[in-house]
N, C-alpha and C. Protein backbone atom coordinates (compact mmCIF):
# COMPACT_ATOMS: atom_id res chain seq x y z
N MET A 1 1.22 -1.60 -0.24
CA MET A 1 -0.25 0.33 -0.25
C MET A 1 0.86 1.16 0.01
N ASN A 2 0.25 2.26 -0.67
CA ASN A 2 1.10 3.99 -0.37
C ASN A 2 0.91 4.52 0.46
N LEU A 3 0.88 5.72 0.74
CA LEU A 3 0.56 6.37 1.39
C LEU A 3 -0.72 6.94 1.78
N LEU A 4 -1.37 7.18 0.51
CA LEU A 4 -3.27 7.22 0.88
C LEU A 4 -3.77 5.76 0.92
N GLY A 5 -3.04 4.35 0.83
CA GLY A 5 -3.84 3.48 1.54
C GLY A 5 -4.17 2.45 0.08
N ILE A 6 -3.61 2.93 -1.12
CA ILE A 6 -4.73 2.03 -1.78
C ILE A 6 -2.64 1.65 -2.48
N PRO A 7 -4.04 -0.32 -2.49
CA PRO A 7 -2.71 -0.93 -2.93
C PRO A 7 -1.50 -0.90 -4.19
N VAL A 8 -0.57 -1.01 -4.25
CA VAL A 8 0.12 -1.18 -5.38
C VAL A 8 1.36 -2.23 -5.95
N ASP A 9 0.92 -2.74 -6.82
CA ASP A 9 1.19 -4.05 -7.78
C ASP A 9 2.64 -3.66 -7.12
N LEU A 10 3.45 -4.75 -7.10
CA LEU A 10 4.86 -5.21 -6.85
C LEU A 10 5.54 -5.89 -7.85
N SER A 11 4.75 -6.39 -8.62
CA SER A 11 5.19 -7.33 -9.75
C SER A 11 5.93 -7.10 -10.39
N ARG A 12 6.81 -7.69 -11.24
CA ARG A 12 8.02 -7.59 -11.71
C ARG A 12 7.90 -6.51 -13.01
N ASP A 13 6.79 -6.61 -13.58
CA ASP A 13 5.61 -5.84 -14.77
C ASP A 13 6.12 -4.55 -14.33
N ASN A 14 5.84 -3.86 -13.60
CA ASN A 14 5.70 -2.62 -13.18
C ASN A 14 6.99 -2.02 -12.89
N LYS A 15 6.58 -1.36 -13.94
CA LYS A 15 8.43 -0.57 -14.10
C LYS A 15 9.06 0.65 -12.85
N GLU A 16 7.13 1.00 -12.53
CA GLU A 16 7.24 2.46 -11.28
C GLU A 16 8.37 2.08 -10.50
N CYS A 17 7.63 0.95 -9.87
CA CYS A 17 8.31 0.08 -8.16
C CYS A 17 8.93 -0.86 -8.30
N PRO A 18 10.15 -1.32 -9.03
CA PRO A 18 10.60 -2.46 -8.38
C PRO A 18 10.86 -2.77 -7.60
N PRO A 19 10.85 -4.29 -7.21
CA PRO A 19 10.93 -5.10 -5.96
C PRO A 19 11.84 -4.86 -5.08
N ASN A 20 13.03 -5.24 -6.14
CA ASN A 20 14.88 -5.11 -5.36
C ASN A 20 15.30 -3.94 -5.41
N ASN A 21 14.12 -2.81 -5.73
CA ASN A 21 15.20 -1.74 -5.86
C ASN A 21 15.19 -1.25 -4.76
N ILE A 22 16.03 -0.64 -3.68
CA ILE A 22 16.38 -0.15 -2.50
C ILE A 22 15.42 1.23 -2.24
N ARG A 23 15.50 1.80 -3.71
CA ARG A 23 15.11 3.50 -3.63
C ARG A 23 13.77 3.63 -3.40
N SER A 24 12.98 1.75 -3.74
CA SER A 24 11.07 2.37 -3.76
C SER A 24 10.86 2.24 -2.54
N ARG A 25 12.02 1.28 -1.43
CA ARG A 25 11.25 1.13 -0.15
C ARG A 25 11.09 2.75 0.34
N TYR A 26 10.52 2.58 1.88
CA TYR A 26 10.05 3.56 2.42
C TYR A 26 11.90 3.36 3.67
N LEU A 27 11.93 4.72 4.13
CA LEU A 27 12.91 5.01 4.86
C LEU A 27 12.86 4.95 6.22
N ARG A 28 12.67 3.84 6.97
CA ARG A 28 12.21 3.76 8.40
C ARG A 28 12.25 5.35 9.34
N SER A 29 11.41 5.61 10.08
CA SER A 29 11.52 6.60 10.90
C SER A 29 12.00 6.28 12.30
N PHE A 30 12.13 7.21 13.15
CA PHE A 30 12.59 7.31 15.24
C PHE A 30 11.77 7.96 15.87
N ILE A 31 11.57 7.30 16.69
CA ILE A 31 10.93 8.31 17.10
C ILE A 31 11.78 8.84 17.98
N PRO A 32 12.09 10.17 18.11
CA PRO A 32 12.51 10.65 19.58
C PRO A 32 12.17 10.34 20.77
N ILE A 33 13.63 10.61 21.86
CA ILE A 33 13.15 10.66 22.90
C ILE A 33 13.26 12.05 23.73
N ASN A 34 12.63 12.20 24.20
CA ASN A 34 12.61 13.85 25.47
C ASN A 34 13.79 14.18 25.47
N THR A 35 14.06 15.12 24.40
CA THR A 35 15.39 15.84 24.97
C THR A 35 15.43 17.13 24.78
N LYS A 36 13.90 17.30 25.04
CA LYS A 36 14.28 19.81 25.09
C LYS A 36 14.53 19.68 26.51
N GLY A 37 15.29 20.78 26.56
CA GLY A 37 16.16 20.97 27.71
C GLY A 37 17.39 20.47 28.43
N LEU A 38 18.01 19.13 27.28
CA LEU A 38 19.11 18.88 27.34
C LEU A 38 19.90 20.03 26.82
N PRO A 39 21.88 20.20 27.47
CA PRO A 39 21.89 21.18 26.09
C PRO A 39 22.43 20.02 25.18
N LYS A 40 22.85 21.17 23.65
CA LYS A 40 22.60 20.69 21.93
C LYS A 40 24.43 21.02 22.49
N ASN A 41 25.26 19.74 22.55
CA ASN A 41 26.40 20.01 22.75
C ASN A 41 27.32 18.21 21.73
N LEU A 42 26.17 18.30 20.24
CA LEU A 42 26.67 17.58 19.65
C LEU A 42 26.47 18.47 18.16
N LEU A 43 27.49 18.38 17.37
CA LEU A 43 27.69 19.04 16.02
C LEU A 43 27.60 17.22 15.03
N VAL A 44 26.54 17.45 14.19
CA VAL A 44 27.02 16.73 13.08
C VAL A 44 26.70 17.58 11.70
N LEU A 45 27.82 17.11 10.76
CA LEU A 45 28.45 17.46 9.87
C LEU A 45 28.13 16.34 8.28
N TYR A 46 27.57 17.23 7.41
CA TYR A 46 27.28 15.69 6.61
C TYR A 46 27.43 16.45 5.03
N ASP A 47 27.71 16.11 4.21
CA ASP A 47 27.39 15.78 2.75
C ASP A 47 27.17 14.50 1.16
N ILE A 48 25.65 14.62 2.07
CA ILE A 48 25.06 13.83 1.26
C ILE A 48 24.79 13.92 -0.09
N PRO A 49 25.65 13.38 -0.74
CA PRO A 49 25.89 13.44 -2.73
C PRO A 49 23.76 13.47 -2.65
N GLU A 50 23.51 14.24 -4.32
CA GLU A 50 22.41 14.81 -4.68
C GLU A 50 21.70 13.29 -5.31
N ASP A 51 22.27 12.42 -6.10
CA ASP A 51 21.93 10.91 -5.98
C ASP A 51 21.42 10.16 -5.10
N LYS A 52 21.38 10.75 -3.84
CA LYS A 52 20.91 10.17 -2.43
C LYS A 52 19.75 10.97 -2.15
N LYS A 53 19.04 11.87 -2.40
CA LYS A 53 18.68 12.80 -2.19
C LYS A 53 17.42 12.52 -1.01
N LYS A 54 16.80 11.33 -1.62
CA LYS A 54 15.93 11.29 -0.47
C LYS A 54 16.07 10.31 0.44
N GLU A 55 17.12 10.08 1.02
CA GLU A 55 18.37 9.88 1.98
C GLU A 55 18.55 10.87 2.90
N ARG A 56 18.76 11.79 2.25
CA ARG A 56 19.37 12.86 2.67
C ARG A 56 18.19 13.50 3.49
N ASP A 57 17.13 14.02 2.56
CA ASP A 57 15.76 14.47 3.65
C ASP A 57 15.39 13.77 4.48
N TRP A 58 15.28 12.21 3.94
CA TRP A 58 15.20 11.38 5.68
C TRP A 58 15.82 12.07 6.64
N PHE A 59 17.32 11.97 6.33
CA PHE A 59 18.44 12.56 7.56
C PHE A 59 17.97 13.77 8.09
N ARG A 60 17.42 14.66 7.45
CA ARG A 60 17.44 15.98 8.15
C ARG A 60 16.07 16.10 8.58
N ARG A 61 15.06 15.54 8.05
CA ARG A 61 13.83 15.02 8.92
C ARG A 61 14.22 14.55 10.37
N GLN A 62 14.90 13.36 10.36
CA GLN A 62 15.19 12.83 11.40
C GLN A 62 16.01 13.53 12.49
N LEU A 63 17.35 14.39 12.35
CA LEU A 63 17.51 15.36 12.48
C LEU A 63 16.49 16.39 13.71
N ARG A 64 16.15 16.89 12.83
CA ARG A 64 15.05 17.51 13.27
C ARG A 64 14.48 17.01 14.70
N SER A 65 13.49 16.09 14.61
CA SER A 65 13.01 15.47 15.26
C SER A 65 13.80 14.77 16.29
N PHE A 66 14.62 14.59 16.29
CA PHE A 66 16.12 14.72 17.62
C PHE A 66 16.26 16.34 18.37
N ASP A 67 15.44 17.74 18.25
CA ASP A 67 15.72 18.41 18.87
C ASP A 67 17.20 18.98 18.11
N PHE A 68 16.98 18.92 16.77
CA PHE A 68 18.13 19.57 16.68
C PHE A 68 18.20 20.83 15.70
N ASP A 69 18.77 22.15 15.51
CA ASP A 69 19.00 22.92 14.66
C ASP A 69 19.92 22.95 14.10
N MET A 70 19.44 24.01 12.78
CA MET A 70 20.21 24.20 10.88
C MET A 70 20.55 25.38 11.71
N ILE A 71 22.50 24.88 11.68
CA ILE A 71 23.33 25.95 11.72
C ILE A 71 23.33 26.88 10.03
N GLN A 72 23.75 25.74 9.83
CA GLN A 72 24.32 25.91 7.75
C GLN A 72 22.90 24.55 7.53
N ARG A 73 23.03 24.80 6.02
CA ARG A 73 22.60 23.55 5.14
C ARG A 73 23.06 22.76 5.87
N SER A 74 23.88 21.65 6.50
CA SER A 74 24.61 20.76 5.80
C SER A 74 25.30 20.76 7.49
N VAL A 75 25.06 21.46 8.51
CA VAL A 75 25.88 21.44 10.22
C VAL A 75 24.38 21.68 10.48
N TRP A 76 23.99 20.34 10.99
CA TRP A 76 23.36 20.53 13.15
C TRP A 76 23.92 20.90 13.77
N VAL A 77 23.02 21.30 14.69
CA VAL A 77 23.99 20.86 16.33
C VAL A 77 22.27 20.94 17.67
N GLY A 78 22.44 19.68 18.43
CA GLY A 78 21.58 18.86 18.93
C GLY A 78 22.54 18.76 20.18
N PRO A 79 21.60 17.24 20.72
CA PRO A 79 21.42 17.08 22.07
C PRO A 79 22.23 15.87 22.23
N SER A 80 23.17 15.16 22.55
CA SER A 80 23.69 14.15 22.50
C SER A 80 23.67 13.14 23.54
N PRO A 81 23.62 11.63 23.39
CA PRO A 81 23.97 11.22 22.41
C PRO A 81 23.05 11.73 21.61
N LEU A 82 23.28 10.74 20.19
CA LEU A 82 22.12 9.61 18.78
C LEU A 82 21.69 8.74 19.22
N PRO A 83 20.59 8.25 18.92
CA PRO A 83 20.24 7.05 19.49
C PRO A 83 20.64 6.36 18.93
N LYS A 84 21.46 4.60 19.33
CA LYS A 84 22.71 4.25 18.78
C LYS A 84 21.59 3.27 17.90
N ASP A 85 20.41 2.75 17.63
CA ASP A 85 19.40 2.13 16.68
C ASP A 85 19.40 2.72 15.82
N PHE A 86 19.58 4.48 15.55
CA PHE A 86 19.62 5.63 14.52
C PHE A 86 20.74 4.90 14.07
N LEU A 87 21.58 4.98 14.93
CA LEU A 87 22.88 5.47 13.86
C LEU A 87 23.03 3.60 13.23
N ALA A 88 23.07 2.37 13.59
CA ALA A 88 23.78 1.61 13.43
C ALA A 88 22.15 1.24 11.64
N TYR A 89 21.20 1.75 11.96
CA TYR A 89 20.14 2.00 10.35
C TYR A 89 20.79 3.03 9.37
N VAL A 90 21.74 3.62 9.44
CA VAL A 90 22.29 4.60 9.06
C VAL A 90 23.31 3.94 7.95
N LYS A 91 23.60 3.39 9.27
CA LYS A 91 25.53 2.56 8.56
C LYS A 91 24.37 1.37 7.57
N THR A 92 23.57 1.00 7.70
CA THR A 92 23.20 -0.67 6.69
C THR A 92 22.39 -0.05 5.19
N ILE A 93 21.99 1.23 5.53
CA ILE A 93 21.95 1.93 4.20
C ILE A 93 22.55 3.45 3.21
N GLY A 94 23.91 3.11 3.85
CA GLY A 94 25.30 3.42 3.18
C GLY A 94 25.18 4.70 3.57
N LEU A 95 25.45 5.51 4.47
CA LEU A 95 25.01 6.75 5.17
C LEU A 95 25.98 7.12 6.08
N GLN A 96 27.27 5.54 6.73
CA GLN A 96 27.77 5.92 7.46
C GLN A 96 29.59 7.24 6.90
N ASN A 97 29.83 7.00 5.82
CA ASN A 97 30.15 7.87 5.24
C ASN A 97 30.51 8.96 4.83
N GLU A 98 29.35 9.50 5.12
CA GLU A 98 28.88 11.26 4.73
C GLU A 98 28.36 11.79 5.19
N PHE A 99 28.48 11.53 7.13
CA PHE A 99 29.16 12.95 7.78
C PHE A 99 29.67 11.97 9.23
N LYS A 100 30.34 13.74 10.43
CA LYS A 100 30.64 13.42 10.74
C LYS A 100 29.73 13.20 11.98
N ILE A 101 30.31 13.03 13.46
CA ILE A 101 29.99 13.55 14.58
C ILE A 101 30.92 13.82 15.15
N PHE A 102 30.51 15.37 16.16
CA PHE A 102 32.01 16.27 17.04
C PHE A 102 31.04 16.28 18.78
N LYS A 103 31.61 15.68 19.40
CA LYS A 103 31.70 16.50 21.00
C LYS A 103 31.63 17.95 20.85
N LEU A 104 30.70 18.94 21.68
CA LEU A 104 31.29 19.88 21.44
C LEU A 104 31.78 20.51 23.01
N ALA A 105 32.96 20.93 23.42
CA ALA A 105 33.19 20.93 24.47
C ALA A 105 31.89 21.74 25.72
N ARG A 106 31.78 23.00 25.20
CA ARG A 106 30.19 23.89 25.68
C ARG A 106 29.19 23.73 24.94
N PRO A 107 27.59 23.56 25.28
CA PRO A 107 26.93 23.43 25.30
C PRO A 107 27.06 24.73 23.98
N TYR A 108 26.06 24.27 22.35
CA TYR A 108 25.30 25.96 21.65
C TYR A 108 24.42 27.07 22.17
N LYS A 109 24.65 27.78 22.24
CA LYS A 109 23.59 28.58 22.41
C LYS A 109 23.14 29.72 21.23
N LYS A 110 22.32 29.44 21.11
CA LYS A 110 21.56 29.98 20.08
C LYS A 110 21.19 31.54 20.00
N ILE A 111 22.04 32.60 18.88
CA ILE A 111 22.24 34.10 19.27
C ILE A 111 20.72 34.26 18.49
N VAL A 112 20.26 34.99 19.50
CA VAL A 112 18.54 36.37 18.47
C VAL A 112 18.65 36.94 18.48
């Protein structure tokens, strides 16, 4: 079924959605733990190529759900640590070499 609940034909004749194509599958969503009020002391930098646009947009949505703030388009800061199951999943979809994580000495404070 698709997002609207309409059945989707996944037979080999359907060229729009081949069953063995990893890009045709939905990416897993992670439920964030309560991070409100925690210091934002984790810096995430990433450079996910254009041919992985779906994965890049998913990665941004997950960072937002983990209460991360965007400093620049590919530089985010938020509370640490990132969930272990999230990091393991990122490895399974092939993004482990596309980002770096740094622990900040002092928490990030947004200048208003």
